[in-house]
Amino acid sequence: MTIVALAFVVMLTGILGAYWMFVVRPEEQTHQAFWRRLRATPATVRAQSNLLKQAQQLSAVSYFDTALRRSENRLRPRTLLREQ
């Protein structure tokens, strides 16, 4: 009876160890890599938003750019038409 119980424990340990080695561990590594990439995103988002802010310059002349930015709500239909 003890040999049967010992064989059961050894087989169960082997199966659970193989499951951990081939299923659980790779999933944990993928999960950790995902969170590392997710934490690195704010710097990328800031860089993209800086690029977008530079691309939205309305005029090369700073005075006109300031004036156009102030009247942006009134110019929105024209801007949408121009973008289309």
PDB file of N, CA and C in Angstrom:
ATOM      1  N   MET A   1       0.817  -1.199   0.000  1.00  0.00           N
ATOM      2  CA  MET A   1       0.000   0.000   0.000  1.00  0.00           C
ATOM      3  C   MET A   1       0.860   1.262   0.000  1.00  0.00           C
ATOM      4  N   THR A   2       1.963   1.240   0.734  1.00  0.00           N
ATOM      5  CA  THR A   2       2.842   2.411   0.771  1.00  0.00           C
ATOM      6  C   THR A   2       3.527   2.631  -0.564  1.00  0.00           C
ATOM      7  N   ILE A   3       3.809   1.536  -1.282  1.00  0.00           N
ATOM      8  CA  ILE A   3       4.448   1.676  -2.589  1.00  0.00           C
ATOM      9  C   ILE A   3       3.483   2.340  -3.571  1.00  0.00           C
ATOM     10  N   VAL A   4       2.217   1.969  -3.489  1.00  0.00           N
ATOM     11  CA  VAL A   4       1.205   2.571  -4.358  1.00  0.00           C
ATOM     12  C   VAL A   4       1.061   4.058  -4.041  1.00  0.00           C
ATOM     13  N   ALA A   5       1.011   4.403  -2.773  1.00  0.00           N
ATOM     14  CA  ALA A   5       0.892   5.806  -2.373  1.00  0.00           C
ATOM     15  C   ALA A   5       2.129   6.587  -2.779  1.00  0.00           C
ATOM     16  N   LEU A   6       3.302   6.006  -2.617  1.00  0.00           N
ATOM     17  CA  LEU A   6       4.548   6.663  -3.001  1.00  0.00           C
ATOM     18  C   LEU A   6       4.615   6.846  -4.512  1.00  0.00           C
ATOM     19  N   ALA A   7       4.201   5.843  -5.276  1.00  0.00           N
ATOM     20  CA  ALA A   7       4.176   5.954  -6.738  1.00  0.00           C
ATOM     21  C   ALA A   7       3.194   7.045  -7.170  1.00  0.00           C
ATOM     22  N   PHE A   8       2.034   7.105  -6.499  1.00  0.00           N
ATOM     23  CA  PHE A   8       1.052   8.145  -6.804  1.00  0.00           C
ATOM     24  C   PHE A   8       1.623   9.528  -6.557  1.00  0.00           C
ATOM     25  N   VAL A   9       2.301   9.726  -5.427  1.00  0.00           N
ATOM     26  CA  VAL A   9       2.884  11.029  -5.085  1.00  0.00           C
ATOM     27  C   VAL A   9       3.976  11.404  -6.081  1.00  0.00           C
ATOM     28  N   VAL A  10       4.816  10.454  -6.456  1.00  0.00           N
ATOM     29  CA  VAL A  10       5.899  10.720  -7.415  1.00  0.00           C
ATOM     30  C   VAL A  10       5.322  11.091  -8.778  1.00  0.00           C
ATOM     31  N   MET A  11       4.331  10.358  -9.250  1.00  0.00           N
ATOM     32  CA  MET A  11       3.715  10.654 -10.547  1.00  0.00           C
ATOM     33  C   MET A  11       2.996  12.003 -10.529  1.00  0.00           C
ATOM     34  N   LEU A  12       2.279  12.274  -9.446  1.00  0.00           N
ATOM     35  CA  LEU A  12       1.591  13.550  -9.320  1.00  0.00           C
ATOM     36  C   LEU A  12       2.589  14.701  -9.313  1.00  0.00           C
ATOM     37  N   THR A  13       3.685  14.547  -8.593  1.00  0.00           N
ATOM     38  CA  THR A  13       4.730  15.567  -8.547  1.00  0.00           C
ATOM     39  C   THR A  13       5.337  15.765  -9.935  1.00  0.00           C
ATOM     40  N   GLY A  14       5.589  14.690 -10.647  1.00  0.00           N
ATOM     41  CA  GLY A  14       6.139  14.786 -11.998  1.00  0.00           C
ATOM     42  C   GLY A  14       5.191  15.490 -12.956  1.00  0.00           C
ATOM     43  N   ILE A  15       3.924  15.148 -12.896  1.00  0.00           N
ATOM     44  CA  ILE A  15       2.933  15.777 -13.777  1.00  0.00           C
ATOM     45  C   ILE A  15       2.775  17.255 -13.456  1.00  0.00           C
ATOM     46  N   LEU A  16       2.662  17.584 -12.182  1.00  0.00           N
ATOM     47  CA  LEU A  16       2.522  18.989 -11.799  1.00  0.00           C
ATOM     48  C   LEU A  16       3.783  19.790 -12.132  1.00  0.00           C
ATOM     49  N   GLY A  17       4.955  19.171 -11.959  1.00  0.00           N
ATOM     50  CA  GLY A  17       6.207  19.839 -12.311  1.00  0.00           C
ATOM     51  C   GLY A  17       6.304  20.108 -13.807  1.00  0.00           C
ATOM     52  N   ALA A  18       5.911  19.131 -14.611  1.00  0.00           N
ATOM     53  CA  ALA A  18       5.921  19.325 -16.063  1.00  0.00           C
ATOM     54  C   ALA A  18       4.920  20.395 -16.469  1.00  0.00           C
ATOM     55  N   TYR A  19       3.745  20.392 -15.850  1.00  0.00           N
ATOM     56  CA  TYR A  19       2.738  21.423 -16.137  1.00  0.00           C
ATOM     57  C   TYR A  19       3.279  22.800 -15.805  1.00  0.00           C
ATOM     58  N   TRP A  20       3.924  22.930 -14.660  1.00  0.00           N
ATOM     59  CA  TRP A  20       4.488  24.217 -14.271  1.00  0.00           C
ATOM     60  C   TRP A  20       5.579  24.634 -15.246  1.00  0.00           C
ATOM     61  N   MET A  21       6.424  23.689 -15.632  1.00  0.00           N
ATOM     62  CA  MET A  21       7.561  24.004 -16.485  1.00  0.00           C
ATOM     63  C   MET A  21       7.143  24.395 -17.901  1.00  0.00           C
ATOM     64  N   PHE A  22       6.134  23.741 -18.450  1.00  0.00           N
ATOM     65  CA  PHE A  22       5.775  23.965 -19.843  1.00  0.00           C
ATOM     66  C   PHE A  22       4.559  24.878 -20.038  1.00  0.00           C
ATOM     67  N   VAL A  23       3.792  25.136 -19.001  1.00  0.00           N
ATOM     68  CA  VAL A  23       2.603  25.966 -19.158  1.00  0.00           C
ATOM     69  C   VAL A  23       2.665  27.216 -18.286  1.00  0.00           C
ATOM     70  N   VAL A  24       2.828  27.047 -16.990  1.00  0.00           N
ATOM     71  CA  VAL A  24       2.729  28.169 -16.059  1.00  0.00           C
ATOM     72  C   VAL A  24       3.910  29.125 -16.218  1.00  0.00           C
ATOM     73  N   ARG A  25       5.115  28.604 -16.272  1.00  0.00           N
ATOM     74  CA  ARG A  25       6.301  29.460 -16.348  1.00  0.00           C
ATOM     75  C   ARG A  25       6.312  30.308 -17.616  1.00  0.00           C
ATOM     76  N   PRO A  26       6.060  29.762 -18.829  1.00  0.00           N
ATOM     77  CA  PRO A  26       6.015  30.621 -20.018  1.00  0.00           C
ATOM     78  C   PRO A  26       4.914  31.685 -19.950  1.00  0.00           C
ATOM     79  N   GLU A  27       3.767  31.328 -19.354  1.00  0.00           N
ATOM     80  CA  GLU A  27       2.707  32.323 -19.205  1.00  0.00           C
ATOM     81  C   GLU A  27       3.139  33.448 -18.281  1.00  0.00           C
ATOM     82  N   GLU A  28       3.838  33.142 -17.205  1.00  0.00           N
ATOM     83  CA  GLU A  28       4.331  34.176 -16.292  1.00  0.00           C
ATOM     84  C   GLU A  28       5.333  35.069 -16.987  1.00  0.00           C
ATOM     85  N   GLN A  29       6.212  34.489 -17.798  1.00  0.00           N
ATOM     86  CA  GLN A  29       7.194  35.286 -18.521  1.00  0.00           C
ATOM     87  C   GLN A  29       6.512  36.210 -19.528  1.00  0.00           C
ATOM     88  N   THR A  30       5.502  35.707 -20.217  1.00  0.00           N
ATOM     89  CA  THR A  30       4.749  36.530 -21.163  1.00  0.00           C
ATOM     90  C   THR A  30       4.023  37.649 -20.433  1.00  0.00           C
ATOM     91  N   HIS A  31       3.440  37.334 -19.303  1.00  0.00           N
ATOM     92  CA  HIS A  31       2.725  38.325 -18.496  1.00  0.00           C
ATOM     93  C   HIS A  31       3.679  39.425 -18.023  1.00  0.00           C
ATOM     94  N   GLN A  32       4.854  39.051 -17.544  1.00  0.00           N
ATOM     95  CA  GLN A  32       5.831  40.036 -17.082  1.00  0.00           C
ATOM     96  C   GLN A  32       6.332  40.899 -18.229  1.00  0.00           C
ATOM     97  N   ALA A  33       6.570  40.311 -19.397  1.00  0.00           N
ATOM     98  CA  ALA A  33       7.008  41.083 -20.557  1.00  0.00           C
ATOM     99  C   ALA A  33       5.926  42.063 -20.987  1.00  0.00           C
ATOM    100  N   PHE A  34       4.672  41.639 -20.927  1.00  0.00           N
ATOM    101  CA  PHE A  34       3.557  42.518 -21.265  1.00  0.00           C
ATOM    102  C   PHE A  34       3.518  43.730 -20.342  1.00  0.00           C
ATOM    103  N   TRP A  35       3.661  43.506 -19.040  1.00  0.00           N
ATOM    104  CA  TRP A  35       3.594  44.620 -18.096  1.00  0.00           C
ATOM    105  C   TRP A  35       4.804  45.535 -18.232  1.00  0.00           C
ATOM    106  N   ARG A  36       5.976  44.968 -18.587  1.00  0.00           N
ATOM    107  CA  ARG A  36       7.147  45.821 -18.826  1.00  0.00           C
ATOM    108  C   ARG A  36       6.900  46.733 -20.012  1.00  0.00           C
ATOM    109  N   ARG A  37       6.335  46.193 -21.085  1.00  0.00           N
ATOM    110  CA  ARG A  37       6.039  47.022 -22.254  1.00  0.00           C
ATOM    111  C   ARG A  37       4.962  48.043 -21.932  1.00  0.00           C
ATOM    112  N   LEU A  38       3.993  47.650 -21.131  1.00  0.00           N
ATOM    113  CA  LEU A  38       2.910  48.560 -20.777  1.00  0.00           C
ATOM    114  C   LEU A  38       3.412  49.716 -19.932  1.00  0.00           C
ATOM    115  N   ARG A  39       4.343  49.447 -19.027  1.00  0.00           N
ATOM    116  CA  ARG A  39       4.917  50.515 -18.213  1.00  0.00           C
ATOM    117  C   ARG A  39       5.785  51.442 -19.044  1.00  0.00           C
ATOM    118  N   ALA A  40       6.352  50.981 -20.130  1.00  0.00           N
ATOM    119  CA  ALA A  40       7.211  51.805 -20.978  1.00  0.00           C
ATOM    120  C   ALA A  40       6.405  52.700 -21.912  1.00  0.00           C
ATOM    121  N   THR A  41       5.102  52.533 -21.975  1.00  0.00           N
ATOM    122  CA  THR A  41       4.264  53.258 -22.916  1.00  0.00           C
ATOM    123  C   THR A  41       4.191  54.770 -22.678  1.00  0.00           C
ATOM    124  N   PRO A  42       4.114  55.292 -21.449  1.00  0.00           N
ATOM    125  CA  PRO A  42       3.953  56.736 -21.300  1.00  0.00           C
ATOM    126  C   PRO A  42       5.025  57.557 -22.003  1.00  0.00           C
ATOM    127  N   ALA A  43       6.254  57.122 -22.041  1.00  0.00           N
ATOM    128  CA  ALA A  43       7.294  57.872 -22.744  1.00  0.00           C
ATOM    129  C   ALA A  43       6.994  57.898 -24.238  1.00  0.00           C
ATOM    130  N   THR A  44       6.527  56.798 -24.765  1.00  0.00           N
ATOM    131  CA  THR A  44       6.178  56.734 -26.175  1.00  0.00           C
ATOM    132  C   THR A  44       4.985  57.631 -26.472  1.00  0.00           C
ATOM    133  N   VAL A  45       4.004  57.615 -25.584  1.00  0.00           N
ATOM    134  CA  VAL A  45       2.816  58.451 -25.782  1.00  0.00           C
ATOM    135  C   VAL A  45       3.205  59.922 -25.742  1.00  0.00           C
ATOM    136  N   ARG A  46       4.090  60.289 -24.803  1.00  0.00           N
ATOM    137  CA  ARG A  46       4.546  61.684 -24.742  1.00  0.00           C
ATOM    138  C   ARG A  46       5.261  62.075 -26.020  1.00  0.00           C
ATOM    139  N   ALA A  47       6.099  61.202 -26.545  1.00  0.00           N
ATOM    140  CA  ALA A  47       6.821  61.498 -27.773  1.00  0.00           C
ATOM    141  C   ALA A  47       5.850  61.657 -28.939  1.00  0.00           C
ATOM    142  N   GLN A  48       4.851  60.793 -29.015  1.00  0.00           N
ATOM    143  CA  GLN A  48       3.870  60.899 -30.086  1.00  0.00           C
ATOM    144  C   GLN A  48       3.049  62.176 -29.950  1.00  0.00           C
ATOM    145  N   SER A  49       2.655  62.535 -28.743  1.00  0.00           N
ATOM    146  CA  SER A  49       1.860  63.743 -28.571  1.00  0.00           C
ATOM    147  C   SER A  49       2.685  64.981 -28.896  1.00  0.00           C
ATOM    148  N   ASN A  50       3.992  64.959 -28.598  1.00  0.00           N
ATOM    149  CA  ASN A  50       4.850  66.078 -28.977  1.00  0.00           C
ATOM    150  C   ASN A  50       4.925  66.205 -30.492  1.00  0.00           C
ATOM    151  N   LEU A  51       5.003  65.088 -31.180  1.00  0.00           N
ATOM    152  CA  LEU A  51       5.021  65.123 -32.634  1.00  0.00           C
ATOM    153  C   LEU A  51       3.711  65.664 -33.182  1.00  0.00           C
ATOM    154  N   LEU A  52       2.605  65.259 -32.577  1.00  0.00           N
ATOM    155  CA  LEU A  52       1.311  65.741 -33.031  1.00  0.00           C
ATOM    156  C   LEU A  52       1.161  67.236 -32.775  1.00  0.00           C
ATOM    157  N   LYS A  53       1.646  67.709 -31.656  1.00  0.00           N
ATOM    158  CA  LYS A  53       1.552  69.130 -31.368  1.00  0.00           C
ATOM    159  C   LYS A  53       2.356  69.948 -32.372  1.00  0.00           C
ATOM    160  N   GLN A  54       3.504  69.445 -32.798  1.00  0.00           N
ATOM    161  CA  GLN A  54       4.304  70.151 -33.780  1.00  0.00           C
ATOM    162  C   GLN A  54       3.618  70.140 -35.149  1.00  0.00           C
ATOM    163  N   ALA A  55       2.915  69.076 -35.469  1.00  0.00           N
ATOM    164  CA  ALA A  55       2.267  68.957 -36.769  1.00  0.00           C
ATOM    165  C   ALA A  55       1.034  69.843 -36.870  1.00  0.00           C
ATOM    166  N   GLN A  56       0.491  70.331 -35.761  1.00  0.00           N
ATOM    167  CA  GLN A  56      -0.735  71.110 -35.776  1.00  0.00           C
ATOM    168  C   GLN A  56      -0.483  72.618 -35.830  1.00  0.00           C
ATOM    169  N   GLN A  57       0.689  72.999 -36.260  1.00  0.00           N
ATOM    170  CA  GLN A  57       0.969  74.420 -36.359  1.00  0.00           C
ATOM    171  C   GLN A  57       0.107  74.993 -37.477  1.00  0.00           C
ATOM    172  N   LEU A  58      -0.625  76.049 -37.206  1.00  0.00           N
ATOM    173  CA  LEU A  58      -1.584  76.600 -38.159  1.00  0.00           C
ATOM    174  C   LEU A  58      -0.949  77.597 -39.116  1.00  0.00           C
ATOM    175  N   SER A  59       0.127  78.238 -38.705  1.00  0.00           N
ATOM    176  CA  SER A  59       0.793  79.204 -39.565  1.00  0.00           C
ATOM    177  C   SER A  59       2.263  79.275 -39.191  1.00  0.00           C
ATOM    178  N   ALA A  60       3.106  79.576 -40.161  1.00  0.00           N
ATOM    179  CA  ALA A  60       4.536  79.704 -39.899  1.00  0.00           C
ATOM    180  C   ALA A  60       4.842  81.025 -39.198  1.00  0.00           C
ATOM    181  N   VAL A  61       3.965  81.989 -39.351  1.00  0.00           N
ATOM    182  CA  VAL A  61       4.128  83.288 -38.694  1.00  0.00           C
ATOM    183  C   VAL A  61       3.508  83.177 -37.305  1.00  0.00           C
ATOM    184  N   SER A  62       4.302  83.458 -36.294  1.00  0.00           N
ATOM    185  CA  SER A  62       3.834  83.235 -34.923  1.00  0.00           C
ATOM    186  C   SER A  62       2.615  84.080 -34.567  1.00  0.00           C
ATOM    187  N   TYR A  63       2.549  85.330 -35.058  1.00  0.00           N
ATOM    188  CA  TYR A  63       1.401  86.181 -34.763  1.00  0.00           C
ATOM    189  C   TYR A  63       0.123  85.575 -35.343  1.00  0.00           C
ATOM    190  N   PHE A  64       0.179  85.126 -36.597  1.00  0.00           N
ATOM    191  CA  PHE A  64      -0.995  84.520 -37.222  1.00  0.00           C
ATOM    192  C   PHE A  64      -1.347  83.183 -36.560  1.00  0.00           C
ATOM    193  N   ASP A  65      -0.335  82.459 -36.172  1.00  0.00           N
ATOM    194  CA  ASP A  65      -0.580  81.181 -35.500  1.00  0.00           C
ATOM    195  C   ASP A  65      -1.340  81.404 -34.198  1.00  0.00           C
ATOM    196  N   THR A  66      -0.925  82.412 -33.431  1.00  0.00           N
ATOM    197  CA  THR A  66      -1.608  82.726 -32.176  1.00  0.00           C
ATOM    198  C   THR A  66      -3.047  83.158 -32.434  1.00  0.00           C
ATOM    199  N   ALA A  67      -3.249  83.999 -33.431  1.00  0.00           N
ATOM    200  CA  ALA A  67      -4.596  84.473 -33.749  1.00  0.00           C
ATOM    201  C   ALA A  67      -5.483  83.328 -34.223  1.00  0.00           C
ATOM    202  N   LEU A  68      -4.946  82.441 -35.045  1.00  0.00           N
ATOM    203  CA  LEU A  68      -5.740  81.308 -35.525  1.00  0.00           C
ATOM    204  C   LEU A  68      -6.077  80.334 -34.407  1.00  0.00           C
ATOM    205  N   ARG A  69      -5.177  80.161 -33.476  1.00  0.00           N
ATOM    206  CA  ARG A  69      -5.462  79.270 -32.346  1.00  0.00           C
ATOM    207  C   ARG A  69      -6.583  79.836 -31.471  1.00  0.00           C
ATOM    208  N   ARG A  70      -6.620  81.140 -31.321  1.00  0.00           N
ATOM    209  CA  ARG A  70      -7.683  81.757 -30.513  1.00  0.00           C
ATOM    210  C   ARG A  70      -9.047  81.596 -31.178  1.00  0.00           C
ATOM    211  N   SER A  71      -9.076  81.646 -32.506  1.00  0.00           N
ATOM    212  CA  SER A  71     -10.352  81.532 -33.220  1.00  0.00           C
ATOM    213  C   SER A  71     -10.576  80.118 -33.763  1.00  0.00           C
ATOM    214  N   GLU A  72     -10.013  79.144 -33.111  1.00  0.00           N
ATOM    215  CA  GLU A  72     -10.083  77.762 -33.594  1.00  0.00           C
ATOM    216  C   GLU A  72     -11.509  77.226 -33.649  1.00  0.00           C
ATOM    217  N   ASN A  73     -12.365  77.579 -32.707  1.00  0.00           N
ATOM    218  CA  ASN A  73     -13.747  77.089 -32.708  1.00  0.00           C
ATOM    219  C   ASN A  73     -14.519  77.605 -33.920  1.00  0.00           C
ATOM    220  N   ARG A  74     -14.276  78.860 -34.303  1.00  0.00           N
ATOM    221  CA  ARG A  74     -14.970  79.407 -35.468  1.00  0.00           C
ATOM    222  C   ARG A  74     -14.424  78.832 -36.771  1.00  0.00           C
ATOM    223  N   LEU A  75     -13.163  78.389 -36.745  1.00  0.00           N
ATOM    224  CA  LEU A  75     -12.548  77.854 -37.962  1.00  0.00           C
ATOM    225  C   LEU A  75     -12.703  76.345 -38.095  1.00  0.00           C
ATOM    226  N   ARG A  76     -13.308  75.700 -37.133  1.00  0.00           N
ATOM    227  CA  ARG A  76     -13.408  74.242 -37.160  1.00  0.00           C
ATOM    228  C   ARG A  76     -14.086  73.708 -38.423  1.00  0.00           C
ATOM    229  N   PRO A  77     -15.220  74.270 -38.901  1.00  0.00           N
ATOM    230  CA  PRO A  77     -15.821  73.738 -40.135  1.00  0.00           C
ATOM    231  C   PRO A  77     -14.878  73.857 -41.338  1.00  0.00           C
ATOM    232  N   ARG A  78     -14.167  74.978 -41.446  1.00  0.00           N
ATOM    233  CA  ARG A  78     -13.218  75.142 -42.561  1.00  0.00           C
ATOM    234  C   ARG A  78     -12.060  74.157 -42.441  1.00  0.00           C
ATOM    235  N   THR A  79     -11.622  73.925 -41.213  1.00  0.00           N
ATOM    236  CA  THR A  79     -10.520  72.985 -40.996  1.00  0.00           C
ATOM    237  C   THR A  79     -10.947  71.573 -41.378  1.00  0.00           C
ATOM    238  N   LEU A  80     -12.155  71.185 -40.990  1.00  0.00           N
ATOM    239  CA  LEU A  80     -12.663  69.865 -41.348  1.00  0.00           C
ATOM    240  C   LEU A  80     -12.803  69.731 -42.863  1.00  0.00           C
ATOM    241  N   LEU A  81     -13.297  70.776 -43.517  1.00  0.00           N
ATOM    242  CA  LEU A  81     -13.430  70.747 -44.974  1.00  0.00           C
ATOM    243  C   LEU A  81     -12.080  70.624 -45.651  1.00  0.00           C
ATOM    244  N   ARG A  82     -11.082  71.353 -45.138  1.00  0.00           N
ATOM    245  CA  ARG A  82      -9.733  71.300 -45.707  1.00  0.00           C
ATOM    246  C   ARG A  82      -9.124  69.914 -45.509  1.00  0.00           C
ATOM    247  N   GLU A  83      -9.353  69.285 -44.351  1.00  0.00           N
ATOM    248  CA  GLU A  83      -8.799  67.963 -44.088  1.00  0.00           C
ATOM    249  C   GLU A  83      -9.473  66.882 -44.943  1.00  0.00           C
ATOM    250  N   GLN A  84     -10.728  67.090 -45.270  1.00  0.00           N
ATOM    251  CA  GLN A  84     -11.424  66.103 -46.099  1.00  0.00           C
ATOM    252  C   GLN A  84     -10.921  66.183 -47.514  1.00  0.00           C
TER     253      GLN A  84
END
